[in-house]
Amino acid sequence: MNIANLKIILLSKKNIDVIEKIWRKSLSNNLKAIIGSQLIKYYLQIFFSQKKNLGLGIVKSNKIVGFILFGNDTKILQKILKEKIILIICSFVSNLIRLKFKKLINYFDVIFFLIIEKIKKKNILQNNIELLIIAVKKDKQNQGLGSFLIKNSILKYKKYFTSYNNIIVKTLSSTPENILFYQKNNFVIKYKIFKRVYLQFKTSKENY
């Protein structure tokens, strides 16, 4: 990988269309991607309207080929459930009518997770920041871009991250390759909640 051609940029609402396309195509099993472009774009609109959130992109040959979002997922989801519940229900019914059982399982999985997480989660975000999502274009994957994006985002925005104790990320326990990816980038496993593994990166000086 020629890192000379790579750079990290700050993202904003003007980048929503590009982010949405990468998200939908590279994370097709993600529930938001299953529900569709409208929900992803609404999620991003909320994300960029909240001041404490940070969205960064990786640029190669003057094109955004990946992105990473840091913020508070709970606050965004609360707003989505309040204002886009009809869209979510319609999407579920559509997949039910078409007998898309694998997609339907995702709906129930996320619902059960959110219920259990609310019961079990204790101070997970107390002075911590979440790595909400990281995605790289399909044709650019397995080239080290994800690791470059994490490492250089944290380095470039060191002041932002050191205002928190840790960066928290959750991933499915059924995706050991994702867990290994985060471990290679200095995240350590802290606990598990309903099929999800929570990993933590300490934002102390020794990790920079």
C-alpha atoms as a PDB file:
ATOM      1  CA  MET A   1       0.000   0.000   0.000  1.00  0.00           C
ATOM      2  CA  ASN A   2       1.407   3.371  -1.035  1.00  0.00           C
ATOM      3  CA  ILE A   3       0.530   5.613   1.908  1.00  0.00           C
ATOM      4  CA  ALA A   4       1.854   8.659   0.043  1.00  0.00           C
ATOM      5  CA  ASN A   5      -1.420   8.722  -1.887  1.00  0.00           C
ATOM      6  CA  LEU A   6      -3.587   8.533   1.240  1.00  0.00           C
ATOM      7  CA  LYS A   7      -4.896  11.289   3.476  1.00  0.00           C
ATOM      8  CA  ILE A   8      -7.461  11.742   6.235  1.00  0.00           C
ATOM      9  CA  ILE A   9     -10.128  14.422   5.836  1.00  0.00           C
ATOM     10  CA  LEU A  10     -12.894  15.806   8.035  1.00  0.00           C
ATOM     11  CA  LEU A  11     -16.337  14.829   6.764  1.00  0.00           C
ATOM     12  CA  SER A  12     -19.565  16.836   6.898  1.00  0.00           C
ATOM     13  CA  LYS A  13     -23.137  16.759   5.629  1.00  0.00           C
ATOM     14  CA  LYS A  14     -21.927  17.491   2.101  1.00  0.00           C
ATOM     15  CA  ASN A  15     -20.339  14.015   2.063  1.00  0.00           C
ATOM     16  CA  ILE A  16     -23.492  12.122   3.053  1.00  0.00           C
ATOM     17  CA  ASP A  17     -24.198  10.695  -0.423  1.00  0.00           C
ATOM     18  CA  VAL A  18     -20.685   9.257  -0.753  1.00  0.00           C
ATOM     19  CA  ILE A  19     -20.708   7.849   2.792  1.00  0.00           C
ATOM     20  CA  GLU A  20     -24.143   6.297   2.287  1.00  0.00           C
ATOM     21  CA  LYS A  21     -23.066   4.513  -0.887  1.00  0.00           C
ATOM     22  CA  ILE A  22     -19.924   3.048   0.729  1.00  0.00           C
ATOM     23  CA  TRP A  23     -21.909   2.038   3.832  1.00  0.00           C
ATOM     24  CA  ARG A  24     -24.713   0.346   1.894  1.00  0.00           C
ATOM     25  CA  LYS A  25     -22.458  -1.564  -0.498  1.00  0.00           C
ATOM     26  CA  SER A  26     -19.687  -2.622   1.876  1.00  0.00           C
ATOM     27  CA  LEU A  27     -21.896  -3.430   4.886  1.00  0.00           C
ATOM     28  CA  SER A  28     -24.886  -5.000   3.162  1.00  0.00           C
ATOM     29  CA  ASN A  29     -25.803  -7.148   6.200  1.00  0.00           C
ATOM     30  CA  ASN A  30     -25.977  -4.122   8.485  1.00  0.00           C
ATOM     31  CA  LEU A  31     -29.602  -3.532   9.517  1.00  0.00           C
ATOM     32  CA  LYS A  32     -29.506   0.115   8.505  1.00  0.00           C
ATOM     33  CA  ALA A  33     -28.288  -0.958   5.055  1.00  0.00           C
ATOM     34  CA  ILE A  34     -31.089  -3.535   4.870  1.00  0.00           C
ATOM     35  CA  ILE A  35     -33.682  -0.872   5.679  1.00  0.00           C
ATOM     36  CA  GLY A  36     -32.150   1.277   2.952  1.00  0.00           C
ATOM     37  CA  SER A  37     -30.611   4.526   1.807  1.00  0.00           C
ATOM     38  CA  GLN A  38     -33.245   6.742   3.394  1.00  0.00           C
ATOM     39  CA  LEU A  39     -32.479   5.507   6.906  1.00  0.00           C
ATOM     40  CA  ILE A  40     -28.701   5.662   6.446  1.00  0.00           C
ATOM     41  CA  LYS A  41     -28.905   9.231   5.181  1.00  0.00           C
ATOM     42  CA  TYR A  42     -31.162  10.220   8.069  1.00  0.00           C
ATOM     43  CA  TYR A  43     -28.732   8.608  10.526  1.00  0.00           C
ATOM     44  CA  LEU A  44     -25.894  10.609   8.971  1.00  0.00           C
ATOM     45  CA  GLN A  45     -27.883  13.849   9.071  1.00  0.00           C
ATOM     46  CA  ILE A  46     -28.407  13.390  12.812  1.00  0.00           C
ATOM     47  CA  PHE A  47     -24.789  12.360  13.277  1.00  0.00           C
ATOM     48  CA  PHE A  48     -23.386  15.485  11.634  1.00  0.00           C
ATOM     49  CA  SER A  49     -25.819  17.755  13.470  1.00  0.00           C
ATOM     50  CA  GLN A  50     -24.416  16.675  16.848  1.00  0.00           C
ATOM     51  CA  LYS A  51     -21.341  18.723  17.736  1.00  0.00           C
ATOM     52  CA  LYS A  52     -19.426  16.100  19.720  1.00  0.00           C
ATOM     53  CA  ASN A  53     -19.448  13.583  16.867  1.00  0.00           C
ATOM     54  CA  LEU A  54     -16.466  13.168  14.570  1.00  0.00           C
ATOM     55  CA  GLY A  55     -16.618  11.815  11.015  1.00  0.00           C
ATOM     56  CA  LEU A  56     -13.414  11.233   9.042  1.00  0.00           C
ATOM     57  CA  GLY A  57     -12.745   9.918   5.575  1.00  0.00           C
ATOM     58  CA  ILE A  58      -9.780   8.293   3.886  1.00  0.00           C
ATOM     59  CA  VAL A  59      -8.978   9.742   0.475  1.00  0.00           C
ATOM     60  CA  LYS A  60      -7.064   7.937  -2.251  1.00  0.00           C
ATOM     61  CA  SER A  61      -6.437   9.538  -5.648  1.00  0.00           C
ATOM     62  CA  ASN A  62      -8.741  12.432  -4.635  1.00  0.00           C
ATOM     63  CA  LYS A  63     -11.673  10.098  -3.927  1.00  0.00           C
ATOM     64  CA  ILE A  64     -13.189   9.088  -0.592  1.00  0.00           C
ATOM     65  CA  VAL A  65     -12.715   5.316  -0.358  1.00  0.00           C
ATOM     66  CA  GLY A  66     -13.638   4.798   3.283  1.00  0.00           C
ATOM     67  CA  PHE A  67     -14.883   6.491   6.435  1.00  0.00           C
ATOM     68  CA  ILE A  68     -15.014   6.203  10.202  1.00  0.00           C
ATOM     69  CA  LEU A  69     -17.554   7.710  12.601  1.00  0.00           C
ATOM     70  CA  PHE A  70     -17.114   8.447  16.311  1.00  0.00           C
ATOM     71  CA  GLY A  71     -19.987   9.529  18.539  1.00  0.00           C
ATOM     72  CA  ASN A  72     -22.927   8.370  20.641  1.00  0.00           C
ATOM     73  CA  ASP A  73     -25.049   5.765  18.887  1.00  0.00           C
ATOM     74  CA  THR A  74     -27.733   5.679  21.592  1.00  0.00           C
ATOM     75  CA  LYS A  75     -28.712   9.317  21.092  1.00  0.00           C
ATOM     76  CA  ILE A  76     -28.969   8.853  17.320  1.00  0.00           C
ATOM     77  CA  LEU A  77     -31.028   5.654  17.595  1.00  0.00           C
ATOM     78  CA  GLN A  78     -33.446   7.258  20.049  1.00  0.00           C
ATOM     79  CA  LYS A  79     -34.182   9.994  17.539  1.00  0.00           C
ATOM     80  CA  ILE A  80     -34.511   7.498  14.665  1.00  0.00           C
ATOM     81  CA  LEU A  81     -36.929   5.275  16.598  1.00  0.00           C
ATOM     82  CA  LYS A  82     -39.009   8.322  17.433  1.00  0.00           C
ATOM     83  CA  GLU A  83     -39.151   9.800  13.940  1.00  0.00           C
ATOM     84  CA  LYS A  84     -38.598   6.898  11.512  1.00  0.00           C
ATOM     85  CA  ILE A  85     -40.454   4.010  13.140  1.00  0.00           C
ATOM     86  CA  ILE A  86     -42.937   3.832  10.233  1.00  0.00           C
ATOM     87  CA  LEU A  87     -40.074   3.461   7.747  1.00  0.00           C
ATOM     88  CA  ILE A  88     -38.580   0.654   9.846  1.00  0.00           C
ATOM     89  CA  ILE A  89     -41.923  -1.164  10.149  1.00  0.00           C
ATOM     90  CA  CYS A  90     -42.578  -0.859   6.404  1.00  0.00           C
ATOM     91  CA  SER A  91     -39.138  -2.261   5.662  1.00  0.00           C
ATOM     92  CA  PHE A  92     -39.776  -5.199   8.004  1.00  0.00           C
ATOM     93  CA  VAL A  93     -43.165  -5.937   6.422  1.00  0.00           C
ATOM     94  CA  SER A  94     -41.657  -5.720   2.939  1.00  0.00           C
ATOM     95  CA  ASN A  95     -39.008  -8.314   3.806  1.00  0.00           C
ATOM     96  CA  LEU A  96     -41.649 -10.468   5.503  1.00  0.00           C
ATOM     97  CA  ILE A  97     -43.856 -10.455   2.404  1.00  0.00           C
ATOM     98  CA  ARG A  98     -40.858 -11.361   0.241  1.00  0.00           C
ATOM     99  CA  LEU A  99     -39.870 -14.099   2.715  1.00  0.00           C
ATOM    100  CA  LYS A 100     -36.370 -12.668   3.193  1.00  0.00           C
ATOM    101  CA  PHE A 101     -35.785 -14.734   6.320  1.00  0.00           C
ATOM    102  CA  LYS A 102     -32.075 -13.936   6.714  1.00  0.00           C
ATOM    103  CA  LYS A 103     -32.865 -10.223   6.694  1.00  0.00           C
ATOM    104  CA  LEU A 104     -35.781 -10.693   9.085  1.00  0.00           C
ATOM    105  CA  ILE A 105     -33.470 -12.392  11.584  1.00  0.00           C
ATOM    106  CA  ASN A 106     -31.399  -9.189  11.665  1.00  0.00           C
ATOM    107  CA  TYR A 107     -34.410  -7.170  12.838  1.00  0.00           C
ATOM    108  CA  PHE A 108     -35.111  -9.500  15.771  1.00  0.00           C
ATOM    109  CA  ASP A 109     -31.420  -9.804  16.602  1.00  0.00           C
ATOM    110  CA  VAL A 110     -31.018  -6.026  16.879  1.00  0.00           C
ATOM    111  CA  ILE A 111     -34.237  -5.635  18.890  1.00  0.00           C
ATOM    112  CA  PHE A 112     -33.169  -8.278  21.423  1.00  0.00           C
ATOM    113  CA  PHE A 113     -29.700  -6.779  21.618  1.00  0.00           C
ATOM    114  CA  LEU A 114     -30.993  -3.261  22.300  1.00  0.00           C
ATOM    115  CA  ILE A 115     -33.253  -4.584  25.080  1.00  0.00           C
ATOM    116  CA  ILE A 116     -30.500  -6.646  26.726  1.00  0.00           C
ATOM    117  CA  GLU A 117     -27.896  -3.904  26.282  1.00  0.00           C
ATOM    118  CA  LYS A 118     -30.141  -1.396  28.023  1.00  0.00           C
ATOM    119  CA  ILE A 119     -30.468  -3.767  30.978  1.00  0.00           C
ATOM    120  CA  LYS A 120     -26.827  -4.828  31.218  1.00  0.00           C
ATOM    121  CA  LYS A 121     -24.927  -1.782  30.042  1.00  0.00           C
ATOM    122  CA  LYS A 122     -23.487   0.118  32.984  1.00  0.00           C
ATOM    123  CA  ASN A 123     -21.595   3.320  32.411  1.00  0.00           C
ATOM    124  CA  ILE A 124     -20.109   2.038  29.140  1.00  0.00           C
ATOM    125  CA  LEU A 125     -20.039   5.552  27.749  1.00  0.00           C
ATOM    126  CA  GLN A 126     -19.014   7.366  30.901  1.00  0.00           C
ATOM    127  CA  ASN A 127     -16.322   9.669  29.519  1.00  0.00           C
ATOM    128  CA  ASN A 128     -15.806   7.281  26.596  1.00  0.00           C
ATOM    129  CA  ILE A 129     -16.449   7.749  22.878  1.00  0.00           C
ATOM    130  CA  GLU A 130     -17.828   5.105  20.515  1.00  0.00           C
ATOM    131  CA  LEU A 131     -16.345   4.048  17.224  1.00  0.00           C
ATOM    132  CA  LEU A 132     -19.748   3.727  15.581  1.00  0.00           C
ATOM    133  CA  ILE A 133     -18.840   2.421  12.160  1.00  0.00           C
ATOM    134  CA  ILE A 134     -15.873   1.969   9.874  1.00  0.00           C
ATOM    135  CA  ALA A 135     -16.238   1.039   6.223  1.00  0.00           C
ATOM    136  CA  VAL A 136     -14.023   0.841   3.133  1.00  0.00           C
ATOM    137  CA  LYS A 137     -15.177   0.465  -0.464  1.00  0.00           C
ATOM    138  CA  LYS A 138     -15.434  -3.190  -1.459  1.00  0.00           C
ATOM    139  CA  ASP A 139     -12.791  -2.971  -4.173  1.00  0.00           C
ATOM    140  CA  LYS A 140     -10.358  -1.301  -1.740  1.00  0.00           C
ATOM    141  CA  GLN A 141     -10.684  -3.785   1.120  1.00  0.00           C
ATOM    142  CA  ASN A 142      -7.847  -6.004   2.407  1.00  0.00           C
ATOM    143  CA  GLN A 143      -5.285  -3.346   1.522  1.00  0.00           C
ATOM    144  CA  GLY A 144      -4.676  -2.024   5.033  1.00  0.00           C
ATOM    145  CA  LEU A 145      -6.896   1.012   4.555  1.00  0.00           C
ATOM    146  CA  GLY A 146      -9.017   0.273   7.633  1.00  0.00           C
ATOM    147  CA  SER A 147      -5.986   0.142   9.913  1.00  0.00           C
ATOM    148  CA  PHE A 148      -4.556   3.263   8.288  1.00  0.00           C
ATOM    149  CA  LEU A 149      -7.871   5.031   8.861  1.00  0.00           C
ATOM    150  CA  ILE A 150      -8.048   4.135  12.561  1.00  0.00           C
ATOM    151  CA  LYS A 151      -4.395   4.857  13.358  1.00  0.00           C
ATOM    152  CA  ASN A 152      -4.144   8.141  11.496  1.00  0.00           C
ATOM    153  CA  SER A 153      -7.556   9.419  12.581  1.00  0.00           C
ATOM    154  CA  ILE A 154      -6.541   8.981  16.220  1.00  0.00           C
ATOM    155  CA  LEU A 155      -3.154  10.597  15.607  1.00  0.00           C
ATOM    156  CA  LYS A 156      -4.496  13.527  13.599  1.00  0.00           C
ATOM    157  CA  TYR A 157      -7.284  14.288  16.078  1.00  0.00           C
ATOM    158  CA  LYS A 158      -5.337  13.433  19.222  1.00  0.00           C
ATOM    159  CA  LYS A 159      -6.786  16.379  21.153  1.00  0.00           C
ATOM    160  CA  TYR A 160     -10.338  15.158  20.464  1.00  0.00           C
ATOM    161  CA  PHE A 161      -9.650  11.615  21.635  1.00  0.00           C
ATOM    162  CA  THR A 162      -7.604  12.467  24.717  1.00  0.00           C
ATOM    163  CA  SER A 163     -10.627  14.340  26.060  1.00  0.00           C
ATOM    164  CA  TYR A 164     -12.100  10.838  26.576  1.00  0.00           C
ATOM    165  CA  ASN A 165     -10.801   7.901  28.619  1.00  0.00           C
ATOM    166  CA  ASN A 166     -11.368   5.259  25.966  1.00  0.00           C
ATOM    167  CA  ILE A 167     -12.676   4.534  22.490  1.00  0.00           C
ATOM    168  CA  ILE A 168     -15.318   1.789  22.638  1.00  0.00           C
ATOM    169  CA  VAL A 169     -16.325  -0.353  19.669  1.00  0.00           C
ATOM    170  CA  LYS A 170     -18.720  -3.284  19.454  1.00  0.00           C
ATOM    171  CA  THR A 171     -18.721  -5.992  16.816  1.00  0.00           C
ATOM    172  CA  LEU A 172     -20.475  -9.320  16.331  1.00  0.00           C
ATOM    173  CA  SER A 173     -18.935 -12.265  18.174  1.00  0.00           C
ATOM    174  CA  SER A 174     -19.656 -14.320  15.039  1.00  0.00           C
ATOM    175  CA  THR A 175     -17.088 -12.251  13.093  1.00  0.00           C
ATOM    176  CA  PRO A 176     -13.688 -13.255  14.541  1.00  0.00           C
ATOM    177  CA  GLU A 177     -11.978 -11.455  11.655  1.00  0.00           C
ATOM    178  CA  ASN A 178     -13.450  -8.159  12.875  1.00  0.00           C
ATOM    179  CA  ILE A 179     -12.375  -8.845  16.456  1.00  0.00           C
ATOM    180  CA  LEU A 180      -8.848  -9.642  15.265  1.00  0.00           C
ATOM    181  CA  PHE A 181      -8.809  -6.457  13.176  1.00  0.00           C
ATOM    182  CA  TYR A 182      -9.525  -4.300  16.211  1.00  0.00           C
ATOM    183  CA  GLN A 183      -7.060  -6.222  18.365  1.00  0.00           C
ATOM    184  CA  LYS A 184      -4.351  -5.572  15.781  1.00  0.00           C
ATOM    185  CA  ASN A 185      -5.161  -1.886  16.172  1.00  0.00           C
ATOM    186  CA  ASN A 186      -4.608  -1.915  19.957  1.00  0.00           C
ATOM    187  CA  PHE A 187      -8.198  -2.554  21.041  1.00  0.00           C
ATOM    188  CA  VAL A 188      -8.702  -5.097  23.831  1.00  0.00           C
ATOM    189  CA  ILE A 189     -11.795  -7.151  24.617  1.00  0.00           C
ATOM    190  CA  LYS A 190     -13.653  -5.889  27.685  1.00  0.00           C
ATOM    191  CA  TYR A 191     -16.962  -7.794  27.797  1.00  0.00           C
ATOM    192  CA  LYS A 192     -19.740  -9.396  25.750  1.00  0.00           C
ATOM    193  CA  ILE A 193     -23.436  -8.580  25.516  1.00  0.00           C
ATOM    194  CA  PHE A 194     -25.801 -10.771  23.470  1.00  0.00           C
ATOM    195  CA  LYS A 195     -23.642 -11.872  20.523  1.00  0.00           C
ATOM    196  CA  ARG A 196     -21.631  -8.637  20.610  1.00  0.00           C
ATOM    197  CA  VAL A 197     -18.056  -8.184  21.727  1.00  0.00           C
ATOM    198  CA  TYR A 198     -17.074  -4.797  23.190  1.00  0.00           C
ATOM    199  CA  LEU A 199     -13.474  -3.737  22.684  1.00  0.00           C
ATOM    200  CA  GLN A 200     -11.662  -0.771  24.176  1.00  0.00           C
ATOM    201  CA  PHE A 201      -8.779   1.466  23.116  1.00  0.00           C
ATOM    202  CA  LYS A 202      -7.227   3.501  25.910  1.00  0.00           C
ATOM    203  CA  THR A 203      -6.608   7.063  24.748  1.00  0.00           C
ATOM    204  CA  SER A 204      -3.521   7.457  26.913  1.00  0.00           C
ATOM    205  CA  LYS A 205      -0.215   8.759  25.564  1.00  0.00           C
ATOM    206  CA  GLU A 206       1.437   5.344  25.322  1.00  0.00           C
ATOM    207  CA  ASN A 207      -0.998   4.297  22.588  1.00  0.00           C
ATOM    208  CA  TYR A 208       0.054   7.166  20.279  1.00  0.00           C
END
